[in-house]
């Protein structure tokens, strides 16, 4: 399982992120507190508290191309 902290503070960042996630066939989830949503759902993401980092999780083995595309949203660890 891959886990990354990401930030999506603006509506434009959410739109761009969702466009990227929808190009991939595997499950990508975002977790905020007790909520777990599909990262391909713009409405789901907008329902989360985006003022703090969200936890992105995926069990996909070959996720490196996806991670390269979302690098701008990742929080440095």
PDB file of N, CA and C in Angstrom:
ATOM      1  N   UNK A   1       0.842  -1.181   0.000  1.00  0.00           N
ATOM      2  CA  UNK A   1       0.000   0.000   0.000  1.00  0.00           C
ATOM      3  C   UNK A   1       0.886   1.242   0.000  1.00  0.00           C
ATOM      4  N   UNK A   2       0.515   2.205  -0.817  1.00  0.00           N
ATOM      5  CA  UNK A   2       1.220   3.478  -0.905  1.00  0.00           C
ATOM      6  C   UNK A   2       0.394   4.534  -0.189  1.00  0.00           C
ATOM      7  N   UNK A   3       1.057   5.343   0.627  1.00  0.00           N
ATOM      8  CA  UNK A   3       0.401   6.440   1.329  1.00  0.00           C
ATOM      9  C   UNK A   3       1.207   7.713   1.130  1.00  0.00           C
ATOM     10  N   UNK A   4       0.519   8.799   0.829  1.00  0.00           N
ATOM     11  CA  UNK A   4       1.146  10.106   0.648  1.00  0.00           C
ATOM     12  C   UNK A   4       0.251  11.167   1.242  1.00  0.00           C
ATOM     13  N   UNK A   5       0.861  12.196   1.813  1.00  0.00           N
ATOM     14  CA  UNK A   5       0.125  13.364   2.280  1.00  0.00           C
ATOM     15  C   UNK A   5       0.044  14.353   1.125  1.00  0.00           C
ATOM     16  N   UNK A   6      -1.159  14.849   0.838  1.00  0.00           N
ATOM     17  CA  UNK A   6      -1.318  15.825  -0.234  1.00  0.00           C
ATOM     18  C   UNK A   6      -2.120  17.023   0.247  1.00  0.00           C
ATOM     19  N   UNK A   7      -1.947  18.143  -0.439  1.00  0.00           N
ATOM     20  CA  UNK A   7      -2.709  19.354  -0.161  1.00  0.00           C
ATOM     21  C   UNK A   7      -3.465  19.760  -1.414  1.00  0.00           C
ATOM     22  N   UNK A   8      -4.739  20.064  -1.246  1.00  0.00           N
ATOM     23  CA  UNK A   8      -5.598  20.533  -2.335  1.00  0.00           C
ATOM     24  C   UNK A   8      -6.364  21.766  -1.843  1.00  0.00           C
ATOM     25  N   UNK A   9      -5.660  22.888  -1.655  1.00  0.00           N
ATOM     26  CA  UNK A   9      -6.279  24.047  -1.006  1.00  0.00           C
ATOM     27  C   UNK A   9      -7.260  24.843  -1.859  1.00  0.00           C
ATOM     28  N   UNK A  10      -7.139  24.767  -3.192  1.00  0.00           N
ATOM     29  CA  UNK A  10      -7.995  25.582  -4.058  1.00  0.00           C
ATOM     30  C   UNK A  10      -8.879  24.713  -4.940  1.00  0.00           C
ATOM     31  N   UNK A  11      -9.916  25.320  -5.468  1.00  0.00           N
ATOM     32  CA  UNK A  11     -10.802  24.611  -6.385  1.00  0.00           C
ATOM     33  C   UNK A  11     -10.034  24.186  -7.636  1.00  0.00           C
ATOM     34  N   UNK A  12      -9.150  25.039  -8.132  1.00  0.00           N
ATOM     35  CA  UNK A  12      -8.350  24.682  -9.310  1.00  0.00           C
ATOM     36  C   UNK A  12      -7.455  23.481  -9.048  1.00  0.00           C
ATOM     37  N   UNK A  13      -6.873  23.397  -7.849  1.00  0.00           N
ATOM     38  CA  UNK A  13      -6.026  22.247  -7.524  1.00  0.00           C
ATOM     39  C   UNK A  13      -6.862  20.970  -7.449  1.00  0.00           C
ATOM     40  N   UNK A  14      -8.080  21.069  -6.942  1.00  0.00           N
ATOM     41  CA  UNK A  14      -8.970  19.901  -6.883  1.00  0.00           C
ATOM     42  C   UNK A  14      -9.320  19.440  -8.294  1.00  0.00           C
ATOM     43  N   UNK A  15      -9.674  20.383  -9.168  1.00  0.00           N
ATOM     44  CA  UNK A  15     -10.019  20.036 -10.550  1.00  0.00           C
ATOM     45  C   UNK A  15      -8.858  19.346 -11.254  1.00  0.00           C
ATOM     46  N   UNK A  16      -7.670  19.902 -11.108  1.00  0.00           N
ATOM     47  CA  UNK A  16      -6.493  19.326 -11.761  1.00  0.00           C
ATOM     48  C   UNK A  16      -6.202  17.934 -11.210  1.00  0.00           C
ATOM     49  N   UNK A  17      -6.285  17.775  -9.892  1.00  0.00           N
ATOM     50  CA  UNK A  17      -6.033  16.489  -9.254  1.00  0.00           C
ATOM     51  C   UNK A  17      -7.033  15.434  -9.729  1.00  0.00           C
ATOM     52  N   UNK A  18      -8.309  15.776  -9.782  1.00  0.00           N
ATOM     53  CA  UNK A  18      -9.344  14.837 -10.217  1.00  0.00           C
ATOM     54  C   UNK A  18      -9.140  14.449 -11.686  1.00  0.00           C
ATOM     55  N   UNK A  19      -8.759  15.398 -12.517  1.00  0.00           N
ATOM     56  CA  UNK A  19      -8.472  15.078 -13.918  1.00  0.00           C
ATOM     57  C   UNK A  19      -7.340  14.056 -14.029  1.00  0.00           C
ATOM     58  N   UNK A  20      -6.333  14.192 -13.186  1.00  0.00           N
ATOM     59  CA  UNK A  20      -5.222  13.238 -13.194  1.00  0.00           C
ATOM     60  C   UNK A  20      -5.686  11.876 -12.692  1.00  0.00           C
ATOM     61  N   UNK A  21      -6.391  11.840 -11.570  1.00  0.00           N
ATOM     62  CA  UNK A  21      -6.791  10.546 -10.997  1.00  0.00           C
ATOM     63  C   UNK A  21      -7.707   9.768 -11.929  1.00  0.00           C
ATOM     64  N   UNK A  22      -8.529  10.459 -12.685  1.00  0.00           N
ATOM     65  CA  UNK A  22      -9.464   9.774 -13.580  1.00  0.00           C
ATOM     66  C   UNK A  22      -8.795   9.133 -14.786  1.00  0.00           C
ATOM     67  N   UNK A  23      -7.535   9.407 -15.012  1.00  0.00           N
ATOM     68  CA  UNK A  23      -6.796   8.759 -16.103  1.00  0.00           C
ATOM     69  C   UNK A  23      -6.259   7.385 -15.696  1.00  0.00           C
ATOM     70  N   UNK A  24      -6.401   7.024 -14.434  1.00  0.00           N
ATOM     71  CA  UNK A  24      -5.876   5.750 -13.925  1.00  0.00           C
ATOM     72  C   UNK A  24      -7.022   4.822 -13.544  1.00  0.00           C
ATOM     73  N   UNK A  25      -6.841   3.528 -13.829  1.00  0.00           N
ATOM     74  CA  UNK A  25      -7.903   2.541 -13.605  1.00  0.00           C
ATOM     75  C   UNK A  25      -7.941   1.962 -12.194  1.00  0.00           C
ATOM     76  N   UNK A  26      -6.922   2.207 -11.405  1.00  0.00           N
ATOM     77  CA  UNK A  26      -6.883   1.603 -10.063  1.00  0.00           C
ATOM     78  C   UNK A  26      -7.534   2.502  -9.015  1.00  0.00           C
ATOM     79  N   UNK A  27      -7.834   1.910  -7.866  1.00  0.00           N
ATOM     80  CA  UNK A  27      -8.491   2.607  -6.763  1.00  0.00           C
ATOM     81  C   UNK A  27      -7.508   3.571  -6.088  1.00  0.00           C
ATOM     82  N   UNK A  28      -7.951   4.802  -5.935  1.00  0.00           N
ATOM     83  CA  UNK A  28      -7.192   5.831  -5.220  1.00  0.00           C
ATOM     84  C   UNK A  28      -8.164   6.451  -4.229  1.00  0.00           C
ATOM     85  N   UNK A  29      -7.775   6.480  -2.966  1.00  0.00           N
ATOM     86  CA  UNK A  29      -8.662   7.024  -1.929  1.00  0.00           C
ATOM     87  C   UNK A  29      -7.989   8.168  -1.199  1.00  0.00           C
ATOM     88  N   UNK A  30      -8.813   9.089  -0.691  1.00  0.00           N
ATOM     89  CA  UNK A  30      -8.351  10.168   0.163  1.00  0.00           C
ATOM     90  C   UNK A  30      -9.007  10.001   1.528  1.00  0.00           C
ATOM     91  N   UNK A  31      -8.207  10.211   2.569  1.00  0.00           N
ATOM     92  CA  UNK A  31      -8.692  10.042   3.941  1.00  0.00           C
ATOM     93  C   UNK A  31      -8.478  11.339   4.710  1.00  0.00           C
ATOM     94  N   UNK A  32      -9.531  11.781   5.374  1.00  0.00           N
ATOM     95  CA  UNK A  32      -9.480  12.952   6.239  1.00  0.00           C
ATOM     96  C   UNK A  32     -10.270  12.632   7.487  1.00  0.00           C
ATOM     97  N   UNK A  33      -9.579  12.576   8.600  1.00  0.00           N
ATOM     98  CA  UNK A  33     -10.197  12.185   9.867  1.00  0.00           C
ATOM     99  C   UNK A  33     -10.885  10.827   9.704  1.00  0.00           C
ATOM    100  N   UNK A  34     -12.198  10.778   9.871  1.00  0.00           N
ATOM    101  CA  UNK A  34     -12.917   9.505   9.781  1.00  0.00           C
ATOM    102  C   UNK A  34     -13.500   9.245   8.404  1.00  0.00           C
ATOM    103  N   UNK A  35     -13.280  10.156   7.454  1.00  0.00           N
ATOM    104  CA  UNK A  35     -13.863  10.033   6.121  1.00  0.00           C
ATOM    105  C   UNK A  35     -12.867   9.440   5.130  1.00  0.00           C
ATOM    106  N   UNK A  36     -13.350   8.499   4.309  1.00  0.00           N
ATOM    107  CA  UNK A  36     -12.557   7.868   3.249  1.00  0.00           C
ATOM    108  C   UNK A  36     -13.373   7.985   1.967  1.00  0.00           C
ATOM    109  N   UNK A  37     -12.821   8.685   0.986  1.00  0.00           N
ATOM    110  CA  UNK A  37     -13.575   8.914  -0.251  1.00  0.00           C
ATOM    111  C   UNK A  37     -12.744   8.510  -1.475  1.00  0.00           C
ATOM    112  N   UNK A  38     -13.441   8.314  -2.575  1.00  0.00           N
ATOM    113  CA  UNK A  38     -12.814   8.008  -3.856  1.00  0.00           C
ATOM    114  C   UNK A  38     -12.162   9.291  -4.375  1.00  0.00           C
ATOM    115  N   UNK A  39     -10.858   9.235  -4.664  1.00  0.00           N
ATOM    116  CA  UNK A  39     -10.119  10.418  -5.112  1.00  0.00           C
ATOM    117  C   UNK A  39     -10.503  10.842  -6.524  1.00  0.00           C
ATOM    118  N   UNK A  40     -11.360  10.085  -7.184  1.00  0.00           N
ATOM    119  CA  UNK A  40     -11.816  10.439  -8.529  1.00  0.00           C
ATOM    120  C   UNK A  40     -13.115  11.242  -8.485  1.00  0.00           C
ATOM    121  N   UNK A  41     -13.621  11.492  -7.287  1.00  0.00           N
ATOM    122  CA  UNK A  41     -14.890  12.198  -7.098  1.00  0.00           C
ATOM    123  C   UNK A  41     -14.649  13.645  -6.672  1.00  0.00           C
ATOM    124  N   UNK A  42     -14.941  14.572  -7.563  1.00  0.00           N
ATOM    125  CA  UNK A  42     -14.744  15.982  -7.230  1.00  0.00           C
ATOM    126  C   UNK A  42     -15.663  16.396  -6.079  1.00  0.00           C
ATOM    127  N   UNK A  43     -16.893  15.904  -6.067  1.00  0.00           N
ATOM    128  CA  UNK A  43     -17.825  16.244  -4.977  1.00  0.00           C
ATOM    129  C   UNK A  43     -17.348  15.665  -3.646  1.00  0.00           C
ATOM    130  N   UNK A  44     -16.804  14.445  -3.703  1.00  0.00           N
ATOM    131  CA  UNK A  44     -16.269  13.841  -2.486  1.00  0.00           C
ATOM    132  C   UNK A  44     -15.125  14.650  -1.910  1.00  0.00           C
ATOM    133  N   UNK A  45     -14.205  15.076  -2.765  1.00  0.00           N
ATOM    134  CA  UNK A  45     -13.059  15.858  -2.303  1.00  0.00           C
ATOM    135  C   UNK A  45     -13.513  17.199  -1.746  1.00  0.00           C
ATOM    136  N   UNK A  46     -14.468  17.828  -2.413  1.00  0.00           N
ATOM    137  CA  UNK A  46     -14.952  19.123  -1.930  1.00  0.00           C
ATOM    138  C   UNK A  46     -15.674  19.014  -0.592  1.00  0.00           C
ATOM    139  N   UNK A  47     -16.129  17.821  -0.233  1.00  0.00           N
ATOM    140  CA  UNK A  47     -16.803  17.637   1.055  1.00  0.00           C
ATOM    141  C   UNK A  47     -15.820  17.478   2.220  1.00  0.00           C
ATOM    142  N   UNK A  48     -14.537  17.306   1.907  1.00  0.00           N
ATOM    143  CA  UNK A  48     -13.527  17.117   2.949  1.00  0.00           C
ATOM    144  C   UNK A  48     -12.980  18.451   3.445  1.00  0.00           C
ATOM    145  N   UNK A  49     -12.360  18.422   4.628  1.00  0.00           N
ATOM    146  CA  UNK A  49     -11.662  19.590   5.169  1.00  0.00           C
ATOM    147  C   UNK A  49     -10.309  19.668   4.460  1.00  0.00           C
ATOM    148  N   UNK A  50     -10.190  20.563   3.480  1.00  0.00           N
ATOM    149  CA  UNK A  50      -8.965  20.674   2.691  1.00  0.00           C
ATOM    150  C   UNK A  50      -7.997  21.713   3.244  1.00  0.00           C
ATOM    151  N   UNK A  51      -8.256  22.212   4.446  1.00  0.00           N
ATOM    152  CA  UNK A  51      -7.353  23.187   5.056  1.00  0.00           C
ATOM    153  C   UNK A  51      -6.112  22.519   5.650  1.00  0.00           C
ATOM    154  N   UNK A  52      -6.137  21.209   5.729  1.00  0.00           N
ATOM    155  CA  UNK A  52      -4.987  20.455   6.235  1.00  0.00           C
ATOM    156  C   UNK A  52      -4.697  19.317   5.248  1.00  0.00           C
ATOM    157  N   UNK A  53      -3.511  18.710   5.336  1.00  0.00           N
ATOM    158  CA  UNK A  53      -3.175  17.637   4.390  1.00  0.00           C
ATOM    159  C   UNK A  53      -4.147  16.457   4.452  1.00  0.00           C
ATOM    160  N   UNK A  54      -4.387  15.864   3.288  1.00  0.00           N
ATOM    161  CA  UNK A  54      -5.209  14.666   3.160  1.00  0.00           C
ATOM    162  C   UNK A  54      -4.282  13.485   2.944  1.00  0.00           C
ATOM    163  N   UNK A  55      -4.679  12.329   3.409  1.00  0.00           N
ATOM    164  CA  UNK A  55      -3.888  11.118   3.207  1.00  0.00           C
ATOM    165  C   UNK A  55      -4.388  10.406   1.959  1.00  0.00           C
ATOM    166  N   UNK A  56      -3.512  10.255   0.971  1.00  0.00           N
ATOM    167  CA  UNK A  56      -3.828   9.518  -0.241  1.00  0.00           C
ATOM    168  C   UNK A  56      -3.353   8.089  -0.057  1.00  0.00           C
ATOM    169  N   UNK A  57      -4.203   7.125  -0.392  1.00  0.00           N
ATOM    170  CA  UNK A  57      -3.827   5.711  -0.288  1.00  0.00           C
ATOM    171  C   UNK A  57      -4.242   4.961  -1.539  1.00  0.00           C
ATOM    172  N   UNK A  58      -3.371   4.030  -1.946  1.00  0.00           N
ATOM    173  CA  UNK A  58      -3.676   3.135  -3.058  1.00  0.00           C
ATOM    174  C   UNK A  58      -2.903   1.843  -2.847  1.00  0.00           C
ATOM    175  N   UNK A  59      -3.504   0.727  -3.221  1.00  0.00           N
ATOM    176  CA  UNK A  59      -2.828  -0.560  -3.097  1.00  0.00           C
ATOM    177  C   UNK A  59      -2.225  -1.001  -4.431  1.00  0.00           C
ATOM    178  N   UNK A  60      -2.283  -0.137  -5.441  1.00  0.00           N
ATOM    179  CA  UNK A  60      -1.719  -0.432  -6.760  1.00  0.00           C
ATOM    180  C   UNK A  60      -0.204  -0.597  -6.658  1.00  0.00           C
ATOM    181  N   UNK A  61       0.334  -1.603  -7.315  1.00  0.00           N
ATOM    182  CA  UNK A  61       1.769  -1.872  -7.272  1.00  0.00           C
ATOM    183  C   UNK A  61       2.559  -0.894  -8.135  1.00  0.00           C
ATOM    184  N   UNK A  62       2.104  -0.624  -9.345  1.00  0.00           N
ATOM    185  CA  UNK A  62       2.836   0.240 -10.277  1.00  0.00           C
ATOM    186  C   UNK A  62       2.242   1.643 -10.255  1.00  0.00           C
ATOM    187  N   UNK A  63       2.515   2.372  -9.180  1.00  0.00           N
ATOM    188  CA  UNK A  63       1.900   3.683  -8.987  1.00  0.00           C
ATOM    189  C   UNK A  63       2.852   4.848  -9.293  1.00  0.00           C
ATOM    190  N   UNK A  64       4.103   4.548  -9.627  1.00  0.00           N
ATOM    191  CA  UNK A  64       5.103   5.601  -9.837  1.00  0.00           C
ATOM    192  C   UNK A  64       4.702   6.638 -10.888  1.00  0.00           C
ATOM    193  N   UNK A  65       4.157   6.239 -12.058  1.00  0.00           N
ATOM    194  CA  UNK A  65       3.740   7.269 -13.026  1.00  0.00           C
ATOM    195  C   UNK A  65       2.677   8.221 -12.457  1.00  0.00           C
ATOM    196  N   UNK A  66       1.750   7.674 -11.688  1.00  0.00           N
ATOM    197  CA  UNK A  66       0.723   8.494 -11.050  1.00  0.00           C
ATOM    198  C   UNK A  66       1.353   9.457 -10.048  1.00  0.00           C
ATOM    199  N   UNK A  67       2.253   8.954  -9.207  1.00  0.00           N
ATOM    200  CA  UNK A  67       2.899   9.799  -8.202  1.00  0.00           C
ATOM    201  C   UNK A  67       3.699  10.926  -8.846  1.00  0.00           C
ATOM    202  N   UNK A  68       4.317  10.644  -9.989  1.00  0.00           N
ATOM    203  CA  UNK A  68       5.063  11.684 -10.701  1.00  0.00           C
ATOM    204  C   UNK A  68       4.127  12.797 -11.164  1.00  0.00           C
ATOM    205  N   UNK A  69       2.930  12.448 -11.584  1.00  0.00           N
ATOM    206  CA  UNK A  69       1.956  13.438 -12.064  1.00  0.00           C
ATOM    207  C   UNK A  69       1.389  14.301 -10.934  1.00  0.00           C
ATOM    208  N   UNK A  70       1.288  13.743  -9.728  1.00  0.00           N
ATOM    209  CA  UNK A  70       0.684  14.502  -8.622  1.00  0.00           C
ATOM    210  C   UNK A  70       1.729  15.107  -7.692  1.00  0.00           C
ATOM    211  N   UNK A  71       2.981  15.102  -8.106  1.00  0.00           N
ATOM    212  CA  UNK A  71       4.070  15.585  -7.248  1.00  0.00           C
ATOM    213  C   UNK A  71       3.810  16.991  -6.694  1.00  0.00           C
ATOM    214  N   UNK A  72       3.210  17.857  -7.509  1.00  0.00           N
ATOM    215  CA  UNK A  72       2.967  19.236  -7.062  1.00  0.00           C
ATOM    216  C   UNK A  72       2.007  19.324  -5.870  1.00  0.00           C
ATOM    217  N   UNK A  73       1.203  18.284  -5.658  1.00  0.00           N
ATOM    218  CA  UNK A  73       0.228  18.277  -4.556  1.00  0.00           C
ATOM    219  C   UNK A  73       0.779  17.609  -3.289  1.00  0.00           C
ATOM    220  N   UNK A  74       1.892  16.898  -3.408  1.00  0.00           N
ATOM    221  CA  UNK A  74       2.441  16.140  -2.284  1.00  0.00           C
ATOM    222  C   UNK A  74       3.110  17.036  -1.260  1.00  0.00           C
ATOM    223  N   UNK A  75       2.919  16.692  -0.004  1.00  0.00           N
ATOM    224  CA  UNK A  75       3.560  17.390   1.101  1.00  0.00           C
ATOM    225  C   UNK A  75       4.910  16.719   1.311  1.00  0.00           C
ATOM    226  N   UNK A  76       5.958  17.523   1.409  1.00  0.00           N
ATOM    227  CA  UNK A  76       7.296  16.953   1.633  1.00  0.00           C
ATOM    228  C   UNK A  76       7.336  16.290   3.006  1.00  0.00           C
ATOM    229  N   UNK A  77       7.851  15.081   3.020  1.00  0.00           N
ATOM    230  CA  UNK A  77       7.895  14.316   4.275  1.00  0.00           C
ATOM    231  C   UNK A  77       9.292  14.255   4.813  1.00  0.00           C
TER     232      UNK A  77
END
